């Protein structure tokens, strides 16, 4: 479910950079391809937009952007209020109601918080939808007083991402409105105000920590504790594992949290990373949170299979345990993995 939400937010905030040359004689796909190849980044702007995911009150967001720095103020349902500032060296997020500040150091790009460029963001979306969607120009409309192309991408086969509509600024290819549908989740994002040449003071990108606020320095590197098989058995009881001789169990990692038990079994083949098997009690799974689109039969029960670019996943539940097999090696095929799955054996 996290991947679904991430994909929806990516679409809502996507910036398709392009030159401002005439495009009226290009096909929809050619327009998008040009946007990927020729990027023009908005260095400075101010915007206000509304994001509605269909649950409770829509979020209202104000954002200030200047030379790579960003300030975002978010008003959510139930009066939640967050202020997030990225000054290029660190990200600080203030939960106003709780008076807590979370701080992330991003001075080292390897920390993983470097924002994708416009070209990279466009490439991510196009790689997902270009083979699974029909893309067309639905017209030219005004959003927040700006002239836009209304582009519609309609699914033509099974896909993680459903139908998508975006309204892109004709001059700078900023997405000013989007409607996305993914696994029964519809998200609408629309700018109500956009100023492309505002005067923004540098002081806006300095977060003033309120008196008495708790400041938490958060580690951007996620690590998981390595555990032994006996610890997993003690926690989960009986479950299936791979037993084929050519699959070598390298490590077992604890992916769980205080209220959730989940373990990852990492397998290699021929000295190379091949598969990751995650297991967790089925009772902890949201029955409506499906990541896959294609229904399959796995070990005589109903399961799901998903392929999105290089990401390939097989999921099923058996005897109150949910299994996810992520295919890591590009040479591994679904057919080969299903053969391994059929020969899995219980440990206890």
C-alpha atoms as a PDB file:
ATOM      1  CA  UNK A   1       0.000   0.000   0.000  1.00  0.00           C
ATOM      2  CA  UNK A   2       2.893   2.385   0.670  1.00  0.00           C
ATOM      3  CA  UNK A   3       4.038   1.951  -2.936  1.00  0.00           C
ATOM      4  CA  UNK A   4       0.565   2.803  -4.187  1.00  0.00           C
ATOM      5  CA  UNK A   5       0.407   5.986  -2.138  1.00  0.00           C
ATOM      6  CA  UNK A   6       3.962   6.893  -3.216  1.00  0.00           C
ATOM      7  CA  UNK A   7       3.010   6.427  -6.872  1.00  0.00           C
ATOM      8  CA  UNK A   8      -0.092   8.613  -6.466  1.00  0.00           C
ATOM      9  CA  UNK A   9       1.829  11.420  -4.770  1.00  0.00           C
ATOM     10  CA  UNK A  10       4.545  11.201  -7.422  1.00  0.00           C
ATOM     11  CA  UNK A  11       1.935  11.704 -10.122  1.00  0.00           C
ATOM     12  CA  UNK A  12       0.326  14.602  -8.270  1.00  0.00           C
ATOM     13  CA  UNK A  13       3.614  16.458  -7.855  1.00  0.00           C
ATOM     14  CA  UNK A  14       5.163  15.510 -11.165  1.00  0.00           C
ATOM     15  CA  UNK A  15       6.906  18.221 -13.183  1.00  0.00           C
ATOM     16  CA  UNK A  16       7.287  17.372 -16.877  1.00  0.00           C
ATOM     17  CA  UNK A  17      10.030  19.728 -18.027  1.00  0.00           C
ATOM     18  CA  UNK A  18      10.077  20.836 -21.647  1.00  0.00           C
ATOM     19  CA  UNK A  19      11.057  23.632 -23.970  1.00  0.00           C
ATOM     20  CA  UNK A  20       8.372  26.200 -24.667  1.00  0.00           C
ATOM     21  CA  UNK A  21       8.526  25.685 -28.439  1.00  0.00           C
ATOM     22  CA  UNK A  22       5.395  24.960 -30.505  1.00  0.00           C
ATOM     23  CA  UNK A  23       4.017  21.446 -29.937  1.00  0.00           C
ATOM     24  CA  UNK A  24       0.566  21.602 -31.534  1.00  0.00           C
ATOM     25  CA  UNK A  25       1.546  19.290 -34.397  1.00  0.00           C
ATOM     26  CA  UNK A  26       3.008  16.604 -32.151  1.00  0.00           C
ATOM     27  CA  UNK A  27       1.233  13.474 -30.996  1.00  0.00           C
ATOM     28  CA  UNK A  28       0.522  13.105 -27.253  1.00  0.00           C
ATOM     29  CA  UNK A  29       3.362  10.599 -26.892  1.00  0.00           C
ATOM     30  CA  UNK A  30       5.748  12.858 -28.820  1.00  0.00           C
ATOM     31  CA  UNK A  31       4.838  15.742 -26.524  1.00  0.00           C
ATOM     32  CA  UNK A  32       5.634  13.608 -23.492  1.00  0.00           C
ATOM     33  CA  UNK A  33       8.827  12.282 -25.075  1.00  0.00           C
ATOM     34  CA  UNK A  34       9.948  15.839 -25.732  1.00  0.00           C
ATOM     35  CA  UNK A  35       9.202  16.706 -22.132  1.00  0.00           C
ATOM     36  CA  UNK A  36      11.579  13.964 -21.044  1.00  0.00           C
ATOM     37  CA  UNK A  37      14.368  14.995 -23.391  1.00  0.00           C
ATOM     38  CA  UNK A  38      14.267  18.789 -22.963  1.00  0.00           C
ATOM     39  CA  UNK A  39      13.861  19.936 -19.387  1.00  0.00           C
ATOM     40  CA  UNK A  40      13.406  23.457 -18.093  1.00  0.00           C
ATOM     41  CA  UNK A  41      13.238  23.666 -14.314  1.00  0.00           C
ATOM     42  CA  UNK A  42      11.264  26.348 -12.518  1.00  0.00           C
ATOM     43  CA  UNK A  43      13.857  27.854 -10.212  1.00  0.00           C
ATOM     44  CA  UNK A  44      11.470  30.017  -8.179  1.00  0.00           C
ATOM     45  CA  UNK A  45       7.716  29.888  -7.643  1.00  0.00           C
ATOM     46  CA  UNK A  46       4.946  30.039  -5.052  1.00  0.00           C
ATOM     47  CA  UNK A  47       1.885  27.832  -5.177  1.00  0.00           C
ATOM     48  CA  UNK A  48      -1.210  26.805  -3.270  1.00  0.00           C
ATOM     49  CA  UNK A  49      -2.967  23.541  -4.063  1.00  0.00           C
ATOM     50  CA  UNK A  50      -5.524  21.112  -2.674  1.00  0.00           C
ATOM     51  CA  UNK A  51      -4.975  17.354  -2.464  1.00  0.00           C
ATOM     52  CA  UNK A  52      -8.028  15.124  -2.024  1.00  0.00           C
ATOM     53  CA  UNK A  53      -7.708  11.353  -1.533  1.00  0.00           C
ATOM     54  CA  UNK A  54     -11.387  10.897  -0.767  1.00  0.00           C
ATOM     55  CA  UNK A  55     -11.014  10.399   2.961  1.00  0.00           C
ATOM     56  CA  UNK A  56     -12.080  13.061   5.424  1.00  0.00           C
ATOM     57  CA  UNK A  57     -11.016  16.640   4.697  1.00  0.00           C
ATOM     58  CA  UNK A  58      -8.765  17.411   1.709  1.00  0.00           C
ATOM     59  CA  UNK A  59      -5.274  18.663   2.467  1.00  0.00           C
ATOM     60  CA  UNK A  60      -4.367  22.250   1.598  1.00  0.00           C
ATOM     61  CA  UNK A  61      -0.722  22.901   0.794  1.00  0.00           C
ATOM     62  CA  UNK A  62       1.301  26.083   0.360  1.00  0.00           C
ATOM     63  CA  UNK A  63       4.789  25.846  -1.117  1.00  0.00           C
ATOM     64  CA  UNK A  64       7.669  28.227  -1.707  1.00  0.00           C
ATOM     65  CA  UNK A  65      10.506  27.114  -4.006  1.00  0.00           C
ATOM     66  CA  UNK A  66      13.711  29.004  -4.682  1.00  0.00           C
ATOM     67  CA  UNK A  67      16.947  27.672  -6.215  1.00  0.00           C
ATOM     68  CA  UNK A  68      16.457  24.129  -4.926  1.00  0.00           C
ATOM     69  CA  UNK A  69      15.241  25.167  -1.486  1.00  0.00           C
ATOM     70  CA  UNK A  70      11.651  24.423  -0.503  1.00  0.00           C
ATOM     71  CA  UNK A  71       9.149  25.280   2.225  1.00  0.00           C
ATOM     72  CA  UNK A  72       5.829  23.432   2.463  1.00  0.00           C
ATOM     73  CA  UNK A  73       3.006  24.182   4.884  1.00  0.00           C
ATOM     74  CA  UNK A  74       0.318  21.478   5.043  1.00  0.00           C
ATOM     75  CA  UNK A  75      -3.087  21.765   6.688  1.00  0.00           C
ATOM     76  CA  UNK A  76      -4.708  18.337   6.990  1.00  0.00           C
ATOM     77  CA  UNK A  77      -7.919  16.886   8.314  1.00  0.00           C
ATOM     78  CA  UNK A  78      -8.577  17.148  12.056  1.00  0.00           C
ATOM     79  CA  UNK A  79      -6.570  20.417  12.034  1.00  0.00           C
ATOM     80  CA  UNK A  80      -3.170  18.765  11.601  1.00  0.00           C
ATOM     81  CA  UNK A  81      -0.585  21.360  10.622  1.00  0.00           C
ATOM     82  CA  UNK A  82       2.943  20.651   9.405  1.00  0.00           C
ATOM     83  CA  UNK A  83       5.743  22.952   8.282  1.00  0.00           C
ATOM     84  CA  UNK A  84       8.564  21.345   6.295  1.00  0.00           C
ATOM     85  CA  UNK A  85      11.706  23.203   5.229  1.00  0.00           C
ATOM     86  CA  UNK A  86      14.470  21.914   2.970  1.00  0.00           C
ATOM     87  CA  UNK A  87      17.456  24.289   2.942  1.00  0.00           C
ATOM     88  CA  UNK A  88      19.639  22.019   0.807  1.00  0.00           C
ATOM     89  CA  UNK A  89      21.583  20.663   3.781  1.00  0.00           C
ATOM     90  CA  UNK A  90      18.821  19.323   5.997  1.00  0.00           C
ATOM     91  CA  UNK A  91      15.084  18.755   6.086  1.00  0.00           C
ATOM     92  CA  UNK A  92      13.190  19.904   9.169  1.00  0.00           C
ATOM     93  CA  UNK A  93       9.527  19.042   9.716  1.00  0.00           C
ATOM     94  CA  UNK A  94       7.563  20.695  12.504  1.00  0.00           C
ATOM     95  CA  UNK A  95       4.386  19.047  13.770  1.00  0.00           C
ATOM     96  CA  UNK A  96       2.793  22.226  15.073  1.00  0.00           C
ATOM     97  CA  UNK A  97       0.135  20.561  17.219  1.00  0.00           C
ATOM     98  CA  UNK A  98       2.541  18.112  18.874  1.00  0.00           C
ATOM     99  CA  UNK A  99       5.415  20.652  19.013  1.00  0.00           C
ATOM    100  CA  UNK A 100       7.866  18.087  17.666  1.00  0.00           C
ATOM    101  CA  UNK A 101      10.559  18.724  15.047  1.00  0.00           C
ATOM    102  CA  UNK A 102      11.972  15.877  12.969  1.00  0.00           C
ATOM    103  CA  UNK A 103      15.327  16.685  11.402  1.00  0.00           C
ATOM    104  CA  UNK A 104      17.067  14.815   8.565  1.00  0.00           C
ATOM    105  CA  UNK A 105      20.608  15.484   7.404  1.00  0.00           C
ATOM    106  CA  UNK A 106      20.718  15.497   3.572  1.00  0.00           C
ATOM    107  CA  UNK A 107      24.155  17.034   3.093  1.00  0.00           C
ATOM    108  CA  UNK A 108      25.324  13.631   1.882  1.00  0.00           C
ATOM    109  CA  UNK A 109      23.417  12.794  -1.304  1.00  0.00           C
ATOM    110  CA  UNK A 110      23.781   9.090  -0.514  1.00  0.00           C
ATOM    111  CA  UNK A 111      21.291   9.619   2.287  1.00  0.00           C
ATOM    112  CA  UNK A 112      18.601   9.248  -0.327  1.00  0.00           C
ATOM    113  CA  UNK A 113      16.735  12.546  -0.027  1.00  0.00           C
ATOM    114  CA  UNK A 114      18.013  14.167  -3.216  1.00  0.00           C
ATOM    115  CA  UNK A 115      14.913  15.132  -5.188  1.00  0.00           C
ATOM    116  CA  UNK A 116      14.640  13.627  -8.679  1.00  0.00           C
ATOM    117  CA  UNK A 117      15.158  16.051 -11.526  1.00  0.00           C
ATOM    118  CA  UNK A 118      12.226  16.880 -13.796  1.00  0.00           C
ATOM    119  CA  UNK A 119      13.622  14.496 -16.378  1.00  0.00           C
ATOM    120  CA  UNK A 120      13.963  11.704 -13.834  1.00  0.00           C
ATOM    121  CA  UNK A 121      10.445  12.243 -12.511  1.00  0.00           C
ATOM    122  CA  UNK A 122       8.992  12.203 -16.002  1.00  0.00           C
ATOM    123  CA  UNK A 123      10.968   9.091 -16.887  1.00  0.00           C
ATOM    124  CA  UNK A 124       9.638   7.269 -13.817  1.00  0.00           C
ATOM    125  CA  UNK A 125       6.031   7.875 -14.787  1.00  0.00           C
ATOM    126  CA  UNK A 126       6.526   7.228 -18.503  1.00  0.00           C
ATOM    127  CA  UNK A 127       8.321   3.954 -17.847  1.00  0.00           C
ATOM    128  CA  UNK A 128       5.304   2.843 -15.840  1.00  0.00           C
ATOM    129  CA  UNK A 129       2.503   3.865 -18.213  1.00  0.00           C
ATOM    130  CA  UNK A 130       3.898   3.976 -21.737  1.00  0.00           C
ATOM    131  CA  UNK A 131       3.270   0.277 -22.435  1.00  0.00           C
ATOM    132  CA  UNK A 132       0.068  -0.109 -20.449  1.00  0.00           C
ATOM    133  CA  UNK A 133      -1.845   3.091 -21.257  1.00  0.00           C
ATOM    134  CA  UNK A 134      -3.267   4.863 -24.284  1.00  0.00           C
ATOM    135  CA  UNK A 135      -2.245   8.531 -24.127  1.00  0.00           C
ATOM    136  CA  UNK A 136      -4.127  11.368 -25.790  1.00  0.00           C
ATOM    137  CA  UNK A 137      -4.550  15.141 -25.658  1.00  0.00           C
ATOM    138  CA  UNK A 138      -8.077  15.822 -24.388  1.00  0.00           C
ATOM    139  CA  UNK A 139      -8.000  19.574 -24.920  1.00  0.00           C
ATOM    140  CA  UNK A 140      -6.550  22.858 -23.722  1.00  0.00           C
ATOM    141  CA  UNK A 141      -7.889  24.281 -20.474  1.00  0.00           C
ATOM    142  CA  UNK A 142      -7.016  26.918 -17.891  1.00  0.00           C
ATOM    143  CA  UNK A 143      -5.934  25.888 -14.395  1.00  0.00           C
ATOM    144  CA  UNK A 144      -5.138  28.615 -11.833  1.00  0.00           C
ATOM    145  CA  UNK A 145      -5.251  31.116 -14.672  1.00  0.00           C
ATOM    146  CA  UNK A 146      -2.603  29.257 -16.696  1.00  0.00           C
ATOM    147  CA  UNK A 147      -3.032  27.673 -20.131  1.00  0.00           C
ATOM    148  CA  UNK A 148      -2.566  23.894 -19.958  1.00  0.00           C
ATOM    149  CA  UNK A 149      -2.659  20.754 -22.056  1.00  0.00           C
ATOM    150  CA  UNK A 150      -5.111  18.209 -20.655  1.00  0.00           C
ATOM    151  CA  UNK A 151      -3.452  14.803 -21.137  1.00  0.00           C
ATOM    152  CA  UNK A 152      -5.350  11.569 -20.479  1.00  0.00           C
ATOM    153  CA  UNK A 153      -3.679   8.176 -20.004  1.00  0.00           C
ATOM    154  CA  UNK A 154      -6.190   5.299 -20.073  1.00  0.00           C
ATOM    155  CA  UNK A 155      -5.239   1.763 -19.115  1.00  0.00           C
ATOM    156  CA  UNK A 156      -5.284  -0.728 -21.973  1.00  0.00           C
ATOM    157  CA  UNK A 157      -4.088  -3.714 -19.919  1.00  0.00           C
ATOM    158  CA  UNK A 158      -3.516  -4.737 -16.293  1.00  0.00           C
ATOM    159  CA  UNK A 159      -1.412  -2.136 -14.516  1.00  0.00           C
ATOM    160  CA  UNK A 160      -0.567  -1.076 -10.981  1.00  0.00           C
ATOM    161  CA  UNK A 161      -1.498   2.478 -11.945  1.00  0.00           C
ATOM    162  CA  UNK A 162      -5.023   3.018 -13.224  1.00  0.00           C
ATOM    163  CA  UNK A 163      -6.351   5.835 -15.385  1.00  0.00           C
ATOM    164  CA  UNK A 164      -4.460   9.103 -15.087  1.00  0.00           C
ATOM    165  CA  UNK A 165      -5.228  12.679 -16.118  1.00  0.00           C
ATOM    166  CA  UNK A 166      -2.802  15.567 -15.913  1.00  0.00           C
ATOM    167  CA  UNK A 167      -3.066  19.239 -16.838  1.00  0.00           C
ATOM    168  CA  UNK A 168       0.407  20.576 -17.713  1.00  0.00           C
ATOM    169  CA  UNK A 169       1.364  24.214 -18.114  1.00  0.00           C
ATOM    170  CA  UNK A 170       1.942  24.887 -21.832  1.00  0.00           C
ATOM    171  CA  UNK A 171       4.949  27.099 -21.142  1.00  0.00           C
ATOM    172  CA  UNK A 172       6.912  25.300 -18.443  1.00  0.00           C
ATOM    173  CA  UNK A 173       5.305  21.831 -18.186  1.00  0.00           C
ATOM    174  CA  UNK A 174       4.528  22.091 -14.513  1.00  0.00           C
ATOM    175  CA  UNK A 175       1.634  19.796 -13.597  1.00  0.00           C
ATOM    176  CA  UNK A 176      -1.084  22.087 -12.270  1.00  0.00           C
ATOM    177  CA  UNK A 177      -3.773  19.448 -11.822  1.00  0.00           C
ATOM    178  CA  UNK A 178      -3.877  15.666 -11.743  1.00  0.00           C
ATOM    179  CA  UNK A 179      -6.421  12.919 -11.200  1.00  0.00           C
ATOM    180  CA  UNK A 180      -5.025   9.448 -10.555  1.00  0.00           C
ATOM    181  CA  UNK A 181      -6.717   6.127  -9.865  1.00  0.00           C
ATOM    182  CA  UNK A 182      -4.820   3.225  -8.308  1.00  0.00           C
ATOM    183  CA  UNK A 183      -6.446   0.165  -6.732  1.00  0.00           C
ATOM    184  CA  UNK A 184      -9.701   1.967  -5.857  1.00  0.00           C
ATOM    185  CA  UNK A 185      -7.795   5.018  -4.541  1.00  0.00           C
ATOM    186  CA  UNK A 186      -8.562   8.241  -6.404  1.00  0.00           C
ATOM    187  CA  UNK A 187      -6.440  11.259  -5.719  1.00  0.00           C
ATOM    188  CA  UNK A 188      -7.108  14.731  -7.072  1.00  0.00           C
ATOM    189  CA  UNK A 189      -4.492  17.473  -6.801  1.00  0.00           C
ATOM    190  CA  UNK A 190      -5.093  20.969  -8.157  1.00  0.00           C
ATOM    191  CA  UNK A 191      -3.285  24.282  -7.887  1.00  0.00           C
ATOM    192  CA  UNK A 192      -5.543  27.186  -6.988  1.00  0.00           C
ATOM    193  CA  UNK A 193      -2.753  29.787  -6.967  1.00  0.00           C
ATOM    194  CA  UNK A 194       0.533  29.789  -8.872  1.00  0.00           C
ATOM    195  CA  UNK A 195       3.061  32.650  -9.031  1.00  0.00           C
ATOM    196  CA  UNK A 196       6.066  32.007 -11.270  1.00  0.00           C
ATOM    197  CA  UNK A 197       8.181  35.084 -10.442  1.00  0.00           C
ATOM    198  CA  UNK A 198       7.543  35.893  -6.786  1.00  0.00           C
ATOM    199  CA  UNK A 199       9.919  37.636  -4.404  1.00  0.00           C
ATOM    200  CA  UNK A 200      10.838  35.015  -1.804  1.00  0.00           C
ATOM    201  CA  UNK A 201      13.063  35.930   1.129  1.00  0.00           C
ATOM    202  CA  UNK A 202      15.775  33.463   2.170  1.00  0.00           C
ATOM    203  CA  UNK A 203      14.501  33.626   5.749  1.00  0.00           C
ATOM    204  CA  UNK A 204      11.554  31.457   4.700  1.00  0.00           C
ATOM    205  CA  UNK A 205      13.922  28.486   4.393  1.00  0.00           C
ATOM    206  CA  UNK A 206      15.008  28.703   8.024  1.00  0.00           C
ATOM    207  CA  UNK A 207      12.667  26.888  10.387  1.00  0.00           C
ATOM    208  CA  UNK A 208      12.245  28.626  13.716  1.00  0.00           C
ATOM    209  CA  UNK A 209      12.013  25.955  16.402  1.00  0.00           C
ATOM    210  CA  UNK A 210       9.218  26.874  18.850  1.00  0.00           C
ATOM    211  CA  UNK A 211       9.982  27.219  22.539  1.00  0.00           C
ATOM    212  CA  UNK A 212       9.800  23.861  24.302  1.00  0.00           C
ATOM    213  CA  UNK A 213       9.715  21.833  21.080  1.00  0.00           C
ATOM    214  CA  UNK A 214      11.290  18.374  21.064  1.00  0.00           C
ATOM    215  CA  UNK A 215      13.865  18.040  18.255  1.00  0.00           C
ATOM    216  CA  UNK A 216      14.487  14.511  16.997  1.00  0.00           C
ATOM    217  CA  UNK A 217      17.457  13.819  14.737  1.00  0.00           C
ATOM    218  CA  UNK A 218      16.407  10.966  12.456  1.00  0.00           C
ATOM    219  CA  UNK A 219      18.757   8.609  10.662  1.00  0.00           C
ATOM    220  CA  UNK A 220      18.087   8.510   6.916  1.00  0.00           C
ATOM    221  CA  UNK A 221      19.778   5.124   6.522  1.00  0.00           C
ATOM    222  CA  UNK A 222      17.301   2.321   7.160  1.00  0.00           C
ATOM    223  CA  UNK A 223      18.846  -0.832   8.566  1.00  0.00           C
ATOM    224  CA  UNK A 224      17.217  -4.061   9.667  1.00  0.00           C
ATOM    225  CA  UNK A 225      18.365  -6.352  12.428  1.00  0.00           C
ATOM    226  CA  UNK A 226      19.726  -9.713  11.309  1.00  0.00           C
ATOM    227  CA  UNK A 227      18.178 -12.675  13.123  1.00  0.00           C
ATOM    228  CA  UNK A 228      18.484 -16.470  13.235  1.00  0.00           C
ATOM    229  CA  UNK A 229      15.931 -18.975  11.970  1.00  0.00           C
ATOM    230  CA  UNK A 230      15.153 -20.134  15.501  1.00  0.00           C
ATOM    231  CA  UNK A 231      14.037 -16.615  16.457  1.00  0.00           C
ATOM    232  CA  UNK A 232      11.579 -16.512  13.562  1.00  0.00           C
ATOM    233  CA  UNK A 233      10.189 -19.943  14.446  1.00  0.00           C
ATOM    234  CA  UNK A 234       9.714 -18.822  18.030  1.00  0.00           C
ATOM    235  CA  UNK A 235       7.790 -15.762  16.841  1.00  0.00           C
ATOM    236  CA  UNK A 236       5.730 -17.173  13.958  1.00  0.00           C
ATOM    237  CA  UNK A 237       5.623 -20.931  14.491  1.00  0.00           C
ATOM    238  CA  UNK A 238       5.266 -23.017  11.310  1.00  0.00           C
ATOM    239  CA  UNK A 239       5.909 -21.467   7.883  1.00  0.00           C
ATOM    240  CA  UNK A 240       7.270 -22.301   4.417  1.00  0.00           C
ATOM    241  CA  UNK A 241      10.829 -21.718   3.194  1.00  0.00           C
ATOM    242  CA  UNK A 242      12.783 -22.541   0.044  1.00  0.00           C
ATOM    243  CA  UNK A 243      14.716 -25.795   0.285  1.00  0.00           C
ATOM    244  CA  UNK A 244      16.174 -26.253  -3.218  1.00  0.00           C
ATOM    245  CA  UNK A 245      19.906 -26.916  -3.146  1.00  0.00           C
ATOM    246  CA  UNK A 246      20.741 -24.185  -5.660  1.00  0.00           C
ATOM    247  CA  UNK A 247      19.127 -21.485  -3.500  1.00  0.00           C
ATOM    248  CA  UNK A 248      21.359 -20.424  -0.596  1.00  0.00           C
ATOM    249  CA  UNK A 249      19.872 -18.615   2.404  1.00  0.00           C
ATOM    250  CA  UNK A 250      22.261 -15.731   3.035  1.00  0.00           C
ATOM    251  CA  UNK A 251      20.534 -13.712   5.779  1.00  0.00           C
ATOM    252  CA  UNK A 252      17.264 -13.298   7.640  1.00  0.00           C
ATOM    253  CA  UNK A 253      16.241  -9.747   8.544  1.00  0.00           C
ATOM    254  CA  UNK A 254      13.602  -8.467  10.926  1.00  0.00           C
ATOM    255  CA  UNK A 255      11.341  -6.093   8.975  1.00  0.00           C
ATOM    256  CA  UNK A 256       8.827  -5.846  11.792  1.00  0.00           C
ATOM    257  CA  UNK A 257       7.875  -3.201  14.298  1.00  0.00           C
ATOM    258  CA  UNK A 258       6.316  -3.103  17.731  1.00  0.00           C
ATOM    259  CA  UNK A 259       2.889  -4.125  16.453  1.00  0.00           C
ATOM    260  CA  UNK A 260       3.861  -6.004  13.309  1.00  0.00           C
ATOM    261  CA  UNK A 261       5.902  -9.171  12.760  1.00  0.00           C
ATOM    262  CA  UNK A 262       7.606  -9.509   9.372  1.00  0.00           C
ATOM    263  CA  UNK A 263      10.798 -11.274   8.316  1.00  0.00           C
ATOM    264  CA  UNK A 264      12.800 -11.229   5.081  1.00  0.00           C
ATOM    265  CA  UNK A 265      14.719 -14.296   3.890  1.00  0.00           C
ATOM    266  CA  UNK A 266      17.410 -13.320   1.374  1.00  0.00           C
ATOM    267  CA  UNK A 267      18.459 -16.040  -1.071  1.00  0.00           C
ATOM    268  CA  UNK A 268      21.329 -16.177  -3.532  1.00  0.00           C
ATOM    269  CA  UNK A 269      22.033 -18.453  -6.501  1.00  0.00           C
ATOM    270  CA  UNK A 270      25.450 -18.950  -7.992  1.00  0.00           C
ATOM    271  CA  UNK A 271      26.811 -16.303  -5.656  1.00  0.00           C
ATOM    272  CA  UNK A 272      24.350 -13.616  -6.829  1.00  0.00           C
ATOM    273  CA  UNK A 273      21.287 -12.182  -5.099  1.00  0.00           C
ATOM    274  CA  UNK A 274      18.275 -14.018  -6.489  1.00  0.00           C
ATOM    275  CA  UNK A 275      15.120 -13.865  -4.341  1.00  0.00           C
ATOM    276  CA  UNK A 276      13.749 -12.222  -1.224  1.00  0.00           C
ATOM    277  CA  UNK A 277      10.980 -14.035   0.642  1.00  0.00           C
ATOM    278  CA  UNK A 278       9.046 -12.040   3.241  1.00  0.00           C
ATOM    279  CA  UNK A 279       6.603 -13.700   5.612  1.00  0.00           C
ATOM    280  CA  UNK A 280       4.121 -12.260   8.097  1.00  0.00           C
ATOM    281  CA  UNK A 281       0.876 -13.296   9.785  1.00  0.00           C
ATOM    282  CA  UNK A 282      -2.117 -12.810   7.466  1.00  0.00           C
ATOM    283  CA  UNK A 283      -4.082 -11.181  10.293  1.00  0.00           C
ATOM    284  CA  UNK A 284      -1.770  -8.152   9.983  1.00  0.00           C
ATOM    285  CA  UNK A 285      -2.666  -7.567   6.326  1.00  0.00           C
ATOM    286  CA  UNK A 286      -5.262  -5.049   5.210  1.00  0.00           C
ATOM    287  CA  UNK A 287      -7.519  -7.149   2.999  1.00  0.00           C
ATOM    288  CA  UNK A 288      -8.196  -4.165   0.749  1.00  0.00           C
ATOM    289  CA  UNK A 289      -4.499  -3.316   0.307  1.00  0.00           C
ATOM    290  CA  UNK A 290      -3.593  -5.197  -2.852  1.00  0.00           C
ATOM    291  CA  UNK A 291      -0.459  -4.266  -4.771  1.00  0.00           C
ATOM    292  CA  UNK A 292      -1.037  -6.619  -7.656  1.00  0.00           C
ATOM    293  CA  UNK A 293      -3.432  -6.644 -10.570  1.00  0.00           C
ATOM    294  CA  UNK A 294      -3.103 -10.161 -11.987  1.00  0.00           C
ATOM    295  CA  UNK A 295      -4.724 -13.046 -10.138  1.00  0.00           C
ATOM    296  CA  UNK A 296      -2.766 -16.309 -10.218  1.00  0.00           C
ATOM    297  CA  UNK A 297      -2.872 -19.730  -8.575  1.00  0.00           C
ATOM    298  CA  UNK A 298       0.014 -20.409  -6.203  1.00  0.00           C
ATOM    299  CA  UNK A 299       0.302 -23.771  -4.427  1.00  0.00           C
ATOM    300  CA  UNK A 300      -3.392 -24.416  -5.181  1.00  0.00           C
ATOM    301  CA  UNK A 301      -4.565 -21.149  -3.575  1.00  0.00           C
ATOM    302  CA  UNK A 302      -5.392 -17.766  -5.069  1.00  0.00           C
ATOM    303  CA  UNK A 303      -2.496 -15.352  -5.216  1.00  0.00           C
ATOM    304  CA  UNK A 304      -1.377 -12.257  -7.063  1.00  0.00           C
ATOM    305  CA  UNK A 305       1.440 -11.451  -9.433  1.00  0.00           C
ATOM    306  CA  UNK A 306       2.797  -8.033 -10.309  1.00  0.00           C
ATOM    307  CA  UNK A 307       5.384  -6.873 -12.817  1.00  0.00           C
ATOM    308  CA  UNK A 308       6.231  -3.184 -13.043  1.00  0.00           C
ATOM    309  CA  UNK A 309       9.498  -2.465 -14.781  1.00  0.00           C
ATOM    310  CA  UNK A 310      12.211  -4.305 -12.881  1.00  0.00           C
ATOM    311  CA  UNK A 311       9.963  -4.876  -9.882  1.00  0.00           C
ATOM    312  CA  UNK A 312       8.425  -8.382  -9.879  1.00  0.00           C
ATOM    313  CA  UNK A 313       6.394  -9.828  -7.024  1.00  0.00           C
ATOM    314  CA  UNK A 314       4.379 -12.954  -6.244  1.00  0.00           C
ATOM    315  CA  UNK A 315       2.072 -12.911  -3.225  1.00  0.00           C
ATOM    316  CA  UNK A 316      -0.216 -15.487  -1.619  1.00  0.00           C
ATOM    317  CA  UNK A 317      -1.546 -16.550   1.790  1.00  0.00           C
ATOM    318  CA  UNK A 318      -1.453 -20.084   3.126  1.00  0.00           C
ATOM    319  CA  UNK A 319      -2.405 -21.371   6.584  1.00  0.00           C
ATOM    320  CA  UNK A 320      -2.728 -17.846   8.005  1.00  0.00           C
ATOM    321  CA  UNK A 321       0.705 -16.778   6.772  1.00  0.00           C
ATOM    322  CA  UNK A 322       1.206 -14.284   3.927  1.00  0.00           C
ATOM    323  CA  UNK A 323       4.176 -14.798   1.613  1.00  0.00           C
ATOM    324  CA  UNK A 324       5.769 -12.253  -0.730  1.00  0.00           C
ATOM    325  CA  UNK A 325       8.468 -13.376  -3.151  1.00  0.00           C
ATOM    326  CA  UNK A 326      10.399 -10.532  -4.778  1.00  0.00           C
ATOM    327  CA  UNK A 327      12.427 -11.582  -7.803  1.00  0.00           C
ATOM    328  CA  UNK A 328      15.751  -9.785  -7.477  1.00  0.00           C
ATOM    329  CA  UNK A 329      17.882 -11.138 -10.330  1.00  0.00           C
ATOM    330  CA  UNK A 330      17.063  -9.990 -13.891  1.00  0.00           C
ATOM    331  CA  UNK A 331      17.762 -13.494 -15.268  1.00  0.00           C
ATOM    332  CA  UNK A 332      15.257 -15.168 -12.942  1.00  0.00           C
ATOM    333  CA  UNK A 333      11.923 -15.929 -14.646  1.00  0.00           C
ATOM    334  CA  UNK A 334       8.452 -16.230 -13.178  1.00  0.00           C
ATOM    335  CA  UNK A 335       8.306 -19.854 -14.361  1.00  0.00           C
ATOM    336  CA  UNK A 336      11.510 -20.708 -12.535  1.00  0.00           C
ATOM    337  CA  UNK A 337      10.362 -19.010  -9.345  1.00  0.00           C
ATOM    338  CA  UNK A 338       6.990 -20.760  -9.401  1.00  0.00           C
ATOM    339  CA  UNK A 339       8.831 -24.091  -9.580  1.00  0.00           C
ATOM    340  CA  UNK A 340      10.801 -23.134  -6.474  1.00  0.00           C
ATOM    341  CA  UNK A 341       7.598 -22.062  -4.708  1.00  0.00           C
ATOM    342  CA  UNK A 342       5.858 -25.367  -5.424  1.00  0.00           C
ATOM    343  CA  UNK A 343       8.714 -27.253  -3.739  1.00  0.00           C
ATOM    344  CA  UNK A 344       8.797 -25.122  -0.587  1.00  0.00           C
ATOM    345  CA  UNK A 345       8.729 -27.008   2.702  1.00  0.00           C
ATOM    346  CA  UNK A 346       7.589 -26.264   6.244  1.00  0.00           C
ATOM    347  CA  UNK A 347       9.930 -25.468   9.086  1.00  0.00           C
ATOM    348  CA  UNK A 348       8.751 -25.824  12.666  1.00  0.00           C
END
